[in-house]
Amino acid sequence: MKRAQDDLQDSGREEEAARLEGVSWHGLRHTWASRLTMKGVDPRTLQTLSGWRSLVMVERYSHLSPDHIRRAVEKQLRGPWPLPATELDSNLTRLQDEASRAL
């Protein structure tokens, strides 16, 4: 990255060079693997694309963002929902009745 920063500074693009501060090829590899994973690329394909010998490396380099995990949970919670309000109300009433009978 240092060479890229130097080239940018030499060409008068100091702001772009400054944005590369702290960026490493290693970090970019994590970003690349994580973004492909969150786009749905399967682990074996990612392993092949990256040249890793094992799936352990895929797990080491690919990370899921908190937003990605939240969206996955929300998608699962939606499932076959939403139930029509009347059906939801009757199910809730039935569950409340069953709970009160159990006491």
PDB file of N, CA and C in Angstrom:
ATOM      1  N   MET A   1       0.809  -1.190   0.000  1.00  0.00           N
ATOM      2  CA  MET A   1       0.000   0.000   0.000  1.00  0.00           C
ATOM      3  C   MET A   1       0.856   1.259   0.000  1.00  0.00           C
ATOM      4  N   LYS A   2       2.017   1.145   0.578  1.00  0.00           N
ATOM      5  CA  LYS A   2       2.906   2.314   0.632  1.00  0.00           C
ATOM      6  C   LYS A   2       3.230   2.808  -0.774  1.00  0.00           C
ATOM      7  N   ARG A   3       3.479   1.871  -1.668  1.00  0.00           N
ATOM      8  CA  ARG A   3       3.799   2.260  -3.049  1.00  0.00           C
ATOM      9  C   ARG A   3       2.610   2.969  -3.702  1.00  0.00           C
ATOM     10  N   ALA A   4       1.396   2.447  -3.459  1.00  0.00           N
ATOM     11  CA  ALA A   4       0.197   3.077  -4.015  1.00  0.00           C
ATOM     12  C   ALA A   4       0.028   4.478  -3.440  1.00  0.00           C
ATOM     13  N   GLN A   5       0.275   4.626  -2.129  1.00  0.00           N
ATOM     14  CA  GLN A   5       0.182   5.953  -1.516  1.00  0.00           C
ATOM     15  C   GLN A   5       1.203   6.912  -2.132  1.00  0.00           C
ATOM     16  N   ASP A   6       2.429   6.430  -2.292  1.00  0.00           N
ATOM     17  CA  ASP A   6       3.472   7.278  -2.884  1.00  0.00           C
ATOM     18  C   ASP A   6       3.104   7.709  -4.296  1.00  0.00           C
ATOM     19  N   ASP A   7       2.586   6.774  -5.087  1.00  0.00           N
ATOM     20  CA  ASP A   7       2.190   7.096  -6.464  1.00  0.00           C
ATOM     21  C   ASP A   7       1.067   8.134  -6.481  1.00  0.00           C
ATOM     22  N   LEU A   8       0.101   7.973  -5.587  1.00  0.00           N
ATOM     23  CA  LEU A   8      -1.000   8.940  -5.521  1.00  0.00           C
ATOM     24  C   LEU A   8      -0.491  10.313  -5.109  1.00  0.00           C
ATOM     25  N   GLN A   9       0.395  10.364  -4.129  1.00  0.00           N
ATOM     26  CA  GLN A   9       0.942  11.650  -3.690  1.00  0.00           C
ATOM     27  C   GLN A   9       1.755  12.310  -4.799  1.00  0.00           C
ATOM     28  N   ASP A  10       2.532  11.503  -5.516  1.00  0.00           N
ATOM     29  CA  ASP A  10       3.342  12.035  -6.614  1.00  0.00           C
ATOM     30  C   ASP A  10       2.478  12.627  -7.725  1.00  0.00           C
ATOM     31  N   SER A  11       1.272  12.092  -7.875  1.00  0.00           N
ATOM     32  CA  SER A  11       0.392  12.604  -8.927  1.00  0.00           C
ATOM     33  C   SER A  11      -0.554  13.686  -8.406  1.00  0.00           C
ATOM     34  N   GLY A  12      -0.283  14.173  -7.180  1.00  0.00           N
ATOM     35  CA  GLY A  12      -1.088  15.273  -6.652  1.00  0.00           C
ATOM     36  C   GLY A  12      -2.417  14.860  -6.063  1.00  0.00           C
ATOM     37  N   ARG A  13      -2.576  13.612  -5.757  1.00  0.00           N
ATOM     38  CA  ARG A  13      -3.858  13.126  -5.218  1.00  0.00           C
ATOM     39  C   ARG A  13      -3.679  12.764  -3.734  1.00  0.00           C
ATOM     40  N   GLU A  14      -3.332  13.775  -2.938  1.00  0.00           N
ATOM     41  CA  GLU A  14      -3.023  13.579  -1.529  1.00  0.00           C
ATOM     42  C   GLU A  14      -4.206  13.031  -0.725  1.00  0.00           C
ATOM     43  N   GLU A  15      -5.417  13.506  -1.044  1.00  0.00           N
ATOM     44  CA  GLU A  15      -6.598  13.036  -0.298  1.00  0.00           C
ATOM     45  C   GLU A  15      -6.811  11.532  -0.492  1.00  0.00           C
ATOM     46  N   GLU A  16      -6.651  11.061  -1.715  1.00  0.00           N
ATOM     47  CA  GLU A  16      -6.788   9.634  -1.973  1.00  0.00           C
ATOM     48  C   GLU A  16      -5.688   8.849  -1.268  1.00  0.00           C
ATOM     49  N   ALA A  17      -4.491   9.381  -1.281  1.00  0.00           N
ATOM     50  CA  ALA A  17      -3.374   8.728  -0.605  1.00  0.00           C
ATOM     51  C   ALA A  17      -3.646   8.630   0.896  1.00  0.00           C
ATOM     52  N   ALA A  18      -4.207   9.671   1.468  1.00  0.00           N
ATOM     53  CA  ALA A  18      -4.507   9.679   2.902  1.00  0.00           C
ATOM     54  C   ALA A  18      -5.556   8.622   3.262  1.00  0.00           C
ATOM     55  N   ARG A  19      -6.491   8.372   2.359  1.00  0.00           N
ATOM     56  CA  ARG A  19      -7.529   7.359   2.637  1.00  0.00           C
ATOM     57  C   ARG A  19      -6.947   5.954   2.712  1.00  0.00           C
ATOM     58  N   LEU A  20      -5.772   5.750   2.146  1.00  0.00           N
ATOM     59  CA  LEU A  20      -5.130   4.432   2.196  1.00  0.00           C
ATOM     60  C   LEU A  20      -4.334   4.208   3.479  1.00  0.00           C
ATOM     61  N   GLU A  21      -4.269   5.233   4.316  1.00  0.00           N
ATOM     62  CA  GLU A  21      -3.538   5.099   5.572  1.00  0.00           C
ATOM     63  C   GLU A  21      -4.158   3.981   6.417  1.00  0.00           C
ATOM     64  N   GLY A  22      -3.335   3.040   6.831  1.00  0.00           N
ATOM     65  CA  GLY A  22      -3.811   1.930   7.656  1.00  0.00           C
ATOM     66  C   GLY A  22      -4.394   0.760   6.875  1.00  0.00           C
ATOM     67  N   VAL A  23      -4.513   0.902   5.564  1.00  0.00           N
ATOM     68  CA  VAL A  23      -5.045  -0.176   4.728  1.00  0.00           C
ATOM     69  C   VAL A  23      -3.895  -1.130   4.384  1.00  0.00           C
ATOM     70  N   SER A  24      -4.189  -2.433   4.454  1.00  0.00           N
ATOM     71  CA  SER A  24      -3.160  -3.419   4.095  1.00  0.00           C
ATOM     72  C   SER A  24      -3.749  -4.435   3.119  1.00  0.00           C
ATOM     73  N   TRP A  25      -2.877  -5.107   2.398  1.00  0.00           N
ATOM     74  CA  TRP A  25      -3.345  -6.163   1.495  1.00  0.00           C
ATOM     75  C   TRP A  25      -4.031  -7.259   2.292  1.00  0.00           C
ATOM     76  N   HIS A  26      -3.519  -7.531   3.470  1.00  0.00           N
ATOM     77  CA  HIS A  26      -4.121  -8.553   4.329  1.00  0.00           C
ATOM     78  C   HIS A  26      -5.563  -8.166   4.689  1.00  0.00           C
ATOM     79  N   GLY A  27      -5.744  -6.909   5.060  1.00  0.00           N
ATOM     80  CA  GLY A  27      -7.086  -6.425   5.389  1.00  0.00           C
ATOM     81  C   GLY A  27      -8.022  -6.474   4.194  1.00  0.00           C
ATOM     82  N   LEU A  28      -7.490  -6.142   3.015  1.00  0.00           N
ATOM     83  CA  LEU A  28      -8.309  -6.197   1.803  1.00  0.00           C
ATOM     84  C   LEU A  28      -8.749  -7.633   1.496  1.00  0.00           C
ATOM     85  N   ARG A  29      -7.888  -8.595   1.817  1.00  0.00           N
ATOM     86  CA  ARG A  29      -8.228 -10.001   1.597  1.00  0.00           C
ATOM     87  C   ARG A  29      -9.414 -10.401   2.489  1.00  0.00           C
ATOM     88  N   HIS A  30      -9.403  -9.936   3.745  1.00  0.00           N
ATOM     89  CA  HIS A  30     -10.537 -10.181   4.645  1.00  0.00           C
ATOM     90  C   HIS A  30     -11.806  -9.536   4.089  1.00  0.00           C
ATOM     91  N   THR A  31     -11.683  -8.297   3.624  1.00  0.00           N
ATOM     92  CA  THR A  31     -12.840  -7.578   3.084  1.00  0.00           C
ATOM     93  C   THR A  31     -13.400  -8.300   1.866  1.00  0.00           C
ATOM     94  N   TRP A  32     -12.530  -8.715   0.976  1.00  0.00           N
ATOM     95  CA  TRP A  32     -12.941  -9.419  -0.240  1.00  0.00           C
ATOM     96  C   TRP A  32     -13.691 -10.714   0.103  1.00  0.00           C
ATOM     97  N   ALA A  33     -13.109 -11.514   0.990  1.00  0.00           N
ATOM     98  CA  ALA A  33     -13.737 -12.789   1.359  1.00  0.00           C
ATOM     99  C   ALA A  33     -15.067 -12.560   2.072  1.00  0.00           C
ATOM    100  N   SER A  34     -15.119 -11.565   2.920  1.00  0.00           N
ATOM    101  CA  SER A  34     -16.345 -11.280   3.669  1.00  0.00           C
ATOM    102  C   SER A  34     -17.464 -10.816   2.740  1.00  0.00           C
ATOM    103  N   ARG A  35     -17.135  -9.931   1.819  1.00  0.00           N
ATOM    104  CA  ARG A  35     -18.169  -9.423   0.912  1.00  0.00           C
ATOM    105  C   ARG A  35     -18.704 -10.525  -0.009  1.00  0.00           C
ATOM    106  N   LEU A  36     -17.825 -11.393  -0.490  1.00  0.00           N
ATOM    107  CA  LEU A  36     -18.298 -12.498  -1.321  1.00  0.00           C
ATOM    108  C   LEU A  36     -19.186 -13.439  -0.512  1.00  0.00           C
ATOM    109  N   THR A  37     -18.796 -13.710   0.726  1.00  0.00           N
ATOM    110  CA  THR A  37     -19.603 -14.573   1.590  1.00  0.00           C
ATOM    111  C   THR A  37     -20.981 -13.974   1.818  1.00  0.00           C
ATOM    112  N   MET A  38     -21.032 -12.673   2.107  1.00  0.00           N
ATOM    113  CA  MET A  38     -22.321 -12.022   2.372  1.00  0.00           C
ATOM    114  C   MET A  38     -23.166 -11.888   1.110  1.00  0.00           C
ATOM    115  N   LYS A  39     -22.538 -12.004  -0.068  1.00  0.00           N
ATOM    116  CA  LYS A  39     -23.297 -11.994  -1.326  1.00  0.00           C
ATOM    117  C   LYS A  39     -23.801 -13.392  -1.685  1.00  0.00           C
ATOM    118  N   GLY A  40     -23.439 -14.386  -0.860  1.00  0.00           N
ATOM    119  CA  GLY A  40     -23.970 -15.718  -1.093  1.00  0.00           C
ATOM    120  C   GLY A  40     -23.036 -16.685  -1.795  1.00  0.00           C
ATOM    121  N   VAL A  41     -21.785 -16.297  -2.012  1.00  0.00           N
ATOM    122  CA  VAL A  41     -20.834 -17.225  -2.634  1.00  0.00           C
ATOM    123  C   VAL A  41     -20.571 -18.360  -1.651  1.00  0.00           C
ATOM    124  N   ASP A  42     -20.705 -19.582  -2.105  1.00  0.00           N
ATOM    125  CA  ASP A  42     -20.542 -20.722  -1.203  1.00  0.00           C
ATOM    126  C   ASP A  42     -19.073 -20.891  -0.810  1.00  0.00           C
ATOM    127  N   PRO A  43     -18.831 -21.483   0.365  1.00  0.00           N
ATOM    128  CA  PRO A  43     -17.466 -21.604   0.877  1.00  0.00           C
ATOM    129  C   PRO A  43     -16.497 -22.331  -0.051  1.00  0.00           C
ATOM    130  N   ARG A  44     -16.916 -23.382  -0.713  1.00  0.00           N
ATOM    131  CA  ARG A  44     -16.004 -24.118  -1.605  1.00  0.00           C
ATOM    132  C   ARG A  44     -15.571 -23.254  -2.787  1.00  0.00           C
ATOM    133  N   THR A  45     -16.497 -22.483  -3.319  1.00  0.00           N
ATOM    134  CA  THR A  45     -16.150 -21.585  -4.421  1.00  0.00           C
ATOM    135  C   THR A  45     -15.171 -20.525  -3.942  1.00  0.00           C
ATOM    136  N   LEU A  46     -15.432 -19.954  -2.769  1.00  0.00           N
ATOM    137  CA  LEU A  46     -14.525 -18.954  -2.212  1.00  0.00           C
ATOM    138  C   LEU A  46     -13.141 -19.561  -1.959  1.00  0.00           C
ATOM    139  N   GLN A  47     -13.119 -20.793  -1.493  1.00  0.00           N
ATOM    140  CA  GLN A  47     -11.843 -21.488  -1.282  1.00  0.00           C
ATOM    141  C   GLN A  47     -11.067 -21.595  -2.590  1.00  0.00           C
ATOM    142  N   THR A  48     -11.756 -21.976  -3.645  1.00  0.00           N
ATOM    143  CA  THR A  48     -11.116 -22.129  -4.946  1.00  0.00           C
ATOM    144  C   THR A  48     -10.638 -20.785  -5.493  1.00  0.00           C
ATOM    145  N   LEU A  49     -11.492 -19.772  -5.401  1.00  0.00           N
ATOM    146  CA  LEU A  49     -11.124 -18.445  -5.905  1.00  0.00           C
ATOM    147  C   LEU A  49      -9.892 -17.884  -5.200  1.00  0.00           C
ATOM    148  N   SER A  50      -9.782 -18.149  -3.923  1.00  0.00           N
ATOM    149  CA  SER A  50      -8.694 -17.562  -3.140  1.00  0.00           C
ATOM    150  C   SER A  50      -7.430 -18.413  -3.138  1.00  0.00           C
ATOM    151  N   GLY A  51      -7.562 -19.672  -3.550  1.00  0.00           N
ATOM    152  CA  GLY A  51      -6.404 -20.550  -3.560  1.00  0.00           C
ATOM    153  C   GLY A  51      -6.067 -21.159  -2.212  1.00  0.00           C
ATOM    154  N   TRP A  52      -7.022 -21.121  -1.282  1.00  0.00           N
ATOM    155  CA  TRP A  52      -6.783 -21.704   0.032  1.00  0.00           C
ATOM    156  C   TRP A  52      -6.908 -23.219  -0.040  1.00  0.00           C
ATOM    157  N   ARG A  53      -6.104 -23.914   0.745  1.00  0.00           N
ATOM    158  CA  ARG A  53      -6.125 -25.381   0.733  1.00  0.00           C
ATOM    159  C   ARG A  53      -7.245 -25.977   1.568  1.00  0.00           C
ATOM    160  N   SER A  54      -7.778 -25.210   2.499  1.00  0.00           N
ATOM    161  CA  SER A  54      -8.807 -25.775   3.376  1.00  0.00           C
ATOM    162  C   SER A  54      -9.927 -24.766   3.623  1.00  0.00           C
ATOM    163  N   LEU A  55     -11.059 -25.297   4.037  1.00  0.00           N
ATOM    164  CA  LEU A  55     -12.199 -24.446   4.372  1.00  0.00           C
ATOM    165  C   LEU A  55     -11.948 -23.677   5.671  1.00  0.00           C
ATOM    166  N   VAL A  56     -10.983 -24.133   6.458  1.00  0.00           N
ATOM    167  CA  VAL A  56     -10.633 -23.412   7.688  1.00  0.00           C
ATOM    168  C   VAL A  56     -10.194 -21.983   7.349  1.00  0.00           C
ATOM    169  N   MET A  57      -9.469 -21.836   6.252  1.00  0.00           N
ATOM    170  CA  MET A  57      -9.023 -20.502   5.844  1.00  0.00           C
ATOM    171  C   MET A  57     -10.199 -19.631   5.410  1.00  0.00           C
ATOM    172  N   VAL A  58     -11.186 -20.236   4.781  1.00  0.00           N
ATOM    173  CA  VAL A  58     -12.395 -19.483   4.407  1.00  0.00           C
ATOM    174  C   VAL A  58     -13.038 -18.937   5.677  1.00  0.00           C
ATOM    175  N   GLU A  59     -13.154 -19.786   6.693  1.00  0.00           N
ATOM    176  CA  GLU A  59     -13.752 -19.346   7.957  1.00  0.00           C
ATOM    177  C   GLU A  59     -12.902 -18.263   8.620  1.00  0.00           C
ATOM    178  N   ARG A  60     -11.602 -18.364   8.486  1.00  0.00           N
ATOM    179  CA  ARG A  60     -10.709 -17.391   9.109  1.00  0.00           C
ATOM    180  C   ARG A  60     -10.807 -16.026   8.429  1.00  0.00           C
ATOM    181  N   TYR A  61     -10.993 -16.002   7.119  1.00  0.00           N
ATOM    182  CA  TYR A  61     -10.964 -14.742   6.381  1.00  0.00           C
ATOM    183  C   TYR A  61     -12.340 -14.113   6.153  1.00  0.00           C
ATOM    184  N   SER A  62     -13.383 -14.911   6.147  1.00  0.00           N
ATOM    185  CA  SER A  62     -14.700 -14.331   5.856  1.00  0.00           C
ATOM    186  C   SER A  62     -15.463 -14.078   7.148  1.00  0.00           C
ATOM    187  N   HIS A  63     -16.000 -12.879   7.230  1.00  0.00           N
ATOM    188  CA  HIS A  63     -16.730 -12.456   8.419  1.00  0.00           C
ATOM    189  C   HIS A  63     -18.087 -11.923   7.984  1.00  0.00           C
ATOM    190  N   LEU A  64     -19.069 -12.052   8.867  1.00  0.00           N
ATOM    191  CA  LEU A  64     -20.399 -11.535   8.583  1.00  0.00           C
ATOM    192  C   LEU A  64     -20.594 -10.252   9.379  1.00  0.00           C
ATOM    193  N   SER A  65     -21.052  -9.221   8.691  1.00  0.00           N
ATOM    194  CA  SER A  65     -21.277  -7.948   9.381  1.00  0.00           C
ATOM    195  C   SER A  65     -22.511  -8.070  10.275  1.00  0.00           C
ATOM    196  N   PRO A  66     -22.589  -7.252  11.318  1.00  0.00           N
ATOM    197  CA  PRO A  66     -23.783  -7.254  12.176  1.00  0.00           C
ATOM    198  C   PRO A  66     -25.062  -6.996  11.383  1.00  0.00           C
ATOM    199  N   ASP A  67     -25.009  -6.095  10.394  1.00  0.00           N
ATOM    200  CA  ASP A  67     -26.199  -5.819   9.578  1.00  0.00           C
ATOM    201  C   ASP A  67     -26.615  -7.048   8.774  1.00  0.00           C
ATOM    202  N   HIS A  68     -25.646  -7.775   8.251  1.00  0.00           N
ATOM    203  CA  HIS A  68     -25.945  -8.982   7.482  1.00  0.00           C
ATOM    204  C   HIS A  68     -26.640 -10.010   8.373  1.00  0.00           C
ATOM    205  N   ILE A  69     -26.136 -10.197   9.570  1.00  0.00           N
ATOM    206  CA  ILE A  69     -26.734 -11.159  10.510  1.00  0.00           C
ATOM    207  C   ILE A  69     -28.141 -10.710  10.894  1.00  0.00           C
ATOM    208  N   ARG A  70     -28.320  -9.408  11.165  1.00  0.00           N
ATOM    209  CA  ARG A  70     -29.638  -8.888  11.528  1.00  0.00           C
ATOM    210  C   ARG A  70     -30.647  -9.132  10.409  1.00  0.00           C
ATOM    211  N   ARG A  71     -30.235  -8.863   9.161  1.00  0.00           N
ATOM    212  CA  ARG A  71     -31.159  -9.072   8.032  1.00  0.00           C
ATOM    213  C   ARG A  71     -31.522 -10.548   7.884  1.00  0.00           C
ATOM    214  N   ALA A  72     -30.552 -11.429   8.126  1.00  0.00           N
ATOM    215  CA  ALA A  72     -30.829 -12.871   8.032  1.00  0.00           C
ATOM    216  C   ALA A  72     -31.845 -13.289   9.089  1.00  0.00           C
ATOM    217  N   VAL A  73     -31.709 -12.771  10.298  1.00  0.00           N
ATOM    218  CA  VAL A  73     -32.655 -13.097  11.374  1.00  0.00           C
ATOM    219  C   VAL A  73     -34.030 -12.545  11.034  1.00  0.00           C
ATOM    220  N   GLU A  74     -34.091 -11.311  10.567  1.00  0.00           N
ATOM    221  CA  GLU A  74     -35.381 -10.713  10.210  1.00  0.00           C
ATOM    222  C   GLU A  74     -36.058 -11.509   9.095  1.00  0.00           C
ATOM    223  N   LYS A  75     -35.283 -11.969   8.138  1.00  0.00           N
ATOM    224  CA  LYS A  75     -35.834 -12.765   7.038  1.00  0.00           C
ATOM    225  C   LYS A  75     -36.430 -14.069   7.576  1.00  0.00           C
ATOM    226  N   GLN A  76     -35.727 -14.702   8.497  1.00  0.00           N
ATOM    227  CA  GLN A  76     -36.223 -15.942   9.095  1.00  0.00           C
ATOM    228  C   GLN A  76     -37.480 -15.693   9.918  1.00  0.00           C
ATOM    229  N   LEU A  77     -37.507 -14.593  10.643  1.00  0.00           N
ATOM    230  CA  LEU A  77     -38.664 -14.296  11.485  1.00  0.00           C
ATOM    231  C   LEU A  77     -39.909 -14.009  10.659  1.00  0.00           C
ATOM    232  N   ARG A  78     -39.707 -13.463   9.466  1.00  0.00           N
ATOM    233  CA  ARG A  78     -40.866 -13.186   8.606  1.00  0.00           C
ATOM    234  C   ARG A  78     -41.504 -14.483   8.140  1.00  0.00           C
ATOM    235  N   GLY A  79     -40.690 -15.458   7.788  1.00  0.00           N
ATOM    236  CA  GLY A  79     -41.179 -16.773   7.384  1.00  0.00           C
ATOM    237  C   GLY A  79     -42.464 -16.695   6.591  1.00  0.00           C
ATOM    238  N   PRO A  80     -43.456 -17.488   6.979  1.00  0.00           N
ATOM    239  CA  PRO A  80     -44.742 -17.476   6.280  1.00  0.00           C
ATOM    240  C   PRO A  80     -45.640 -16.336   6.742  1.00  0.00           C
ATOM    241  N   TRP A  81     -45.114 -15.448   7.542  1.00  0.00           N
ATOM    242  CA  TRP A  81     -45.884 -14.339   8.085  1.00  0.00           C
ATOM    243  C   TRP A  81     -46.044 -13.273   7.025  1.00  0.00           C
ATOM    244  N   PRO A  82     -46.765 -12.269   7.190  1.00  0.00           N
ATOM    245  CA  PRO A  82     -47.602 -12.047   8.351  1.00  0.00           C
ATOM    246  C   PRO A  82     -48.935 -12.766   8.212  1.00  0.00           C
ATOM    247  N   LEU A  83     -49.440 -13.255   9.320  1.00  0.00           N
ATOM    248  CA  LEU A  83     -50.774 -13.842   9.334  1.00  0.00           C
ATOM    249  C   LEU A  83     -51.786 -12.713   9.252  1.00  0.00           C
ATOM    250  N   PRO A  84     -52.934 -12.996   8.670  1.00  0.00           N
ATOM    251  CA  PRO A  84     -53.986 -11.971   8.710  1.00  0.00           C
ATOM    252  C   PRO A  84     -54.279 -11.616  10.166  1.00  0.00           C
ATOM    253  N   ALA A  85     -54.607 -10.379  10.430  1.00  0.00           N
ATOM    254  CA  ALA A  85     -54.814  -9.905  11.804  1.00  0.00           C
ATOM    255  C   ALA A  85     -55.838 -10.744  12.551  1.00  0.00           C
ATOM    256  N   THR A  86     -56.923 -11.132  11.879  1.00  0.00           N
ATOM    257  CA  THR A  86     -57.949 -11.913  12.574  1.00  0.00           C
ATOM    258  C   THR A  86     -57.411 -13.275  12.997  1.00  0.00           C
ATOM    259  N   GLU A  87     -56.618 -13.906  12.134  1.00  0.00           N
ATOM    260  CA  GLU A  87     -56.033 -15.200  12.471  1.00  0.00           C
ATOM    261  C   GLU A  87     -55.014 -15.053  13.587  1.00  0.00           C
ATOM    262  N   LEU A  88     -54.246 -13.981  13.551  1.00  0.00           N
ATOM    263  CA  LEU A  88     -53.267 -13.724  14.599  1.00  0.00           C
ATOM    264  C   LEU A  88     -53.971 -13.495  15.932  1.00  0.00           C
ATOM    265  N   ASP A  89     -55.047 -12.706  15.924  1.00  0.00           N
ATOM    266  CA  ASP A  89     -55.803 -12.447  17.151  1.00  0.00           C
ATOM    267  C   ASP A  89     -56.406 -13.725  17.719  1.00  0.00           C
ATOM    268  N   SER A  90     -56.960 -14.580  16.856  1.00  0.00           N
ATOM    269  CA  SER A  90     -57.575 -15.811  17.354  1.00  0.00           C
ATOM    270  C   SER A  90     -56.513 -16.764  17.903  1.00  0.00           C
ATOM    271  N   ASN A  91     -55.335 -16.818  17.264  1.00  0.00           N
ATOM    272  CA  ASN A  91     -54.250 -17.651  17.786  1.00  0.00           C
ATOM    273  C   ASN A  91     -53.780 -17.146  19.143  1.00  0.00           C
ATOM    274  N   LEU A  92     -53.666 -15.845  19.299  1.00  0.00           N
ATOM    275  CA  LEU A  92     -53.234 -15.262  20.562  1.00  0.00           C
ATOM    276  C   LEU A  92     -54.263 -15.547  21.657  1.00  0.00           C
ATOM    277  N   THR A  93     -55.521 -15.377  21.325  1.00  0.00           N
ATOM    278  CA  THR A  93     -56.576 -15.658  22.300  1.00  0.00           C
ATOM    279  C   THR A  93     -56.541 -17.120  22.719  1.00  0.00           C
ATOM    280  N   ARG A  94     -56.377 -18.028  21.770  1.00  0.00           N
ATOM    281  CA  ARG A  94     -56.325 -19.454  22.081  1.00  0.00           C
ATOM    282  C   ARG A  94     -55.151 -19.764  23.001  1.00  0.00           C
ATOM    283  N   LEU A  95     -53.990 -19.184  22.723  1.00  0.00           N
ATOM    284  CA  LEU A  95     -52.819 -19.417  23.557  1.00  0.00           C
ATOM    285  C   LEU A  95     -53.007 -18.864  24.962  1.00  0.00           C
ATOM    286  N   GLN A  96     -53.654 -17.719  25.061  1.00  0.00           N
ATOM    287  CA  GLN A  96     -53.915 -17.125  26.388  1.00  0.00           C
ATOM    288  C   GLN A  96     -54.880 -18.024  27.172  1.00  0.00           C
ATOM    289  N   ASP A  97     -55.917 -18.552  26.493  1.00  0.00           N
ATOM    290  CA  ASP A  97     -56.873 -19.440  27.147  1.00  0.00           C
ATOM    291  C   ASP A  97     -56.183 -20.706  27.650  1.00  0.00           C
ATOM    292  N   GLU A  98     -55.331 -21.283  26.807  1.00  0.00           N
ATOM    293  CA  GLU A  98     -54.606 -22.497  27.191  1.00  0.00           C
ATOM    294  C   GLU A  98     -53.700 -22.225  28.392  1.00  0.00           C
ATOM    295  N   ALA A  99     -53.060 -21.069  28.400  1.00  0.00           N
ATOM    296  CA  ALA A  99     -52.160 -20.721  29.500  1.00  0.00           C
ATOM    297  C   ALA A  99     -52.929 -20.536  30.796  1.00  0.00           C
ATOM    298  N   SER A 100     -54.078 -19.894  30.720  1.00  0.00           N
ATOM    299  CA  SER A 100     -54.848 -19.679  31.949  1.00  0.00           C
ATOM    300  C   SER A 100     -55.441 -20.993  32.483  1.00  0.00           C
ATOM    301  N   ARG A 101     -55.798 -21.920  31.608  1.00  0.00           N
ATOM    302  CA  ARG A 101     -56.306 -23.235  32.041  1.00  0.00           C
ATOM    303  C   ARG A 101     -55.193 -24.052  32.719  1.00  0.00           C
ATOM    304  N   ALA A 102     -53.956 -23.835  32.269  1.00  0.00           N
ATOM    305  CA  ALA A 102     -52.838 -24.590  32.837  1.00  0.00           C
ATOM    306  C   ALA A 102     -52.528 -24.145  34.255  1.00  0.00           C
ATOM    307  N   LEU A 103     -52.944 -22.924  34.625  1.00  0.00           N
ATOM    308  CA  LEU A 103     -52.682 -22.421  35.986  1.00  0.00           C
ATOM    309  C   LEU A 103     -53.650 -23.011  36.909  1.00  0.00           C
TER     310      LEU A 103
END
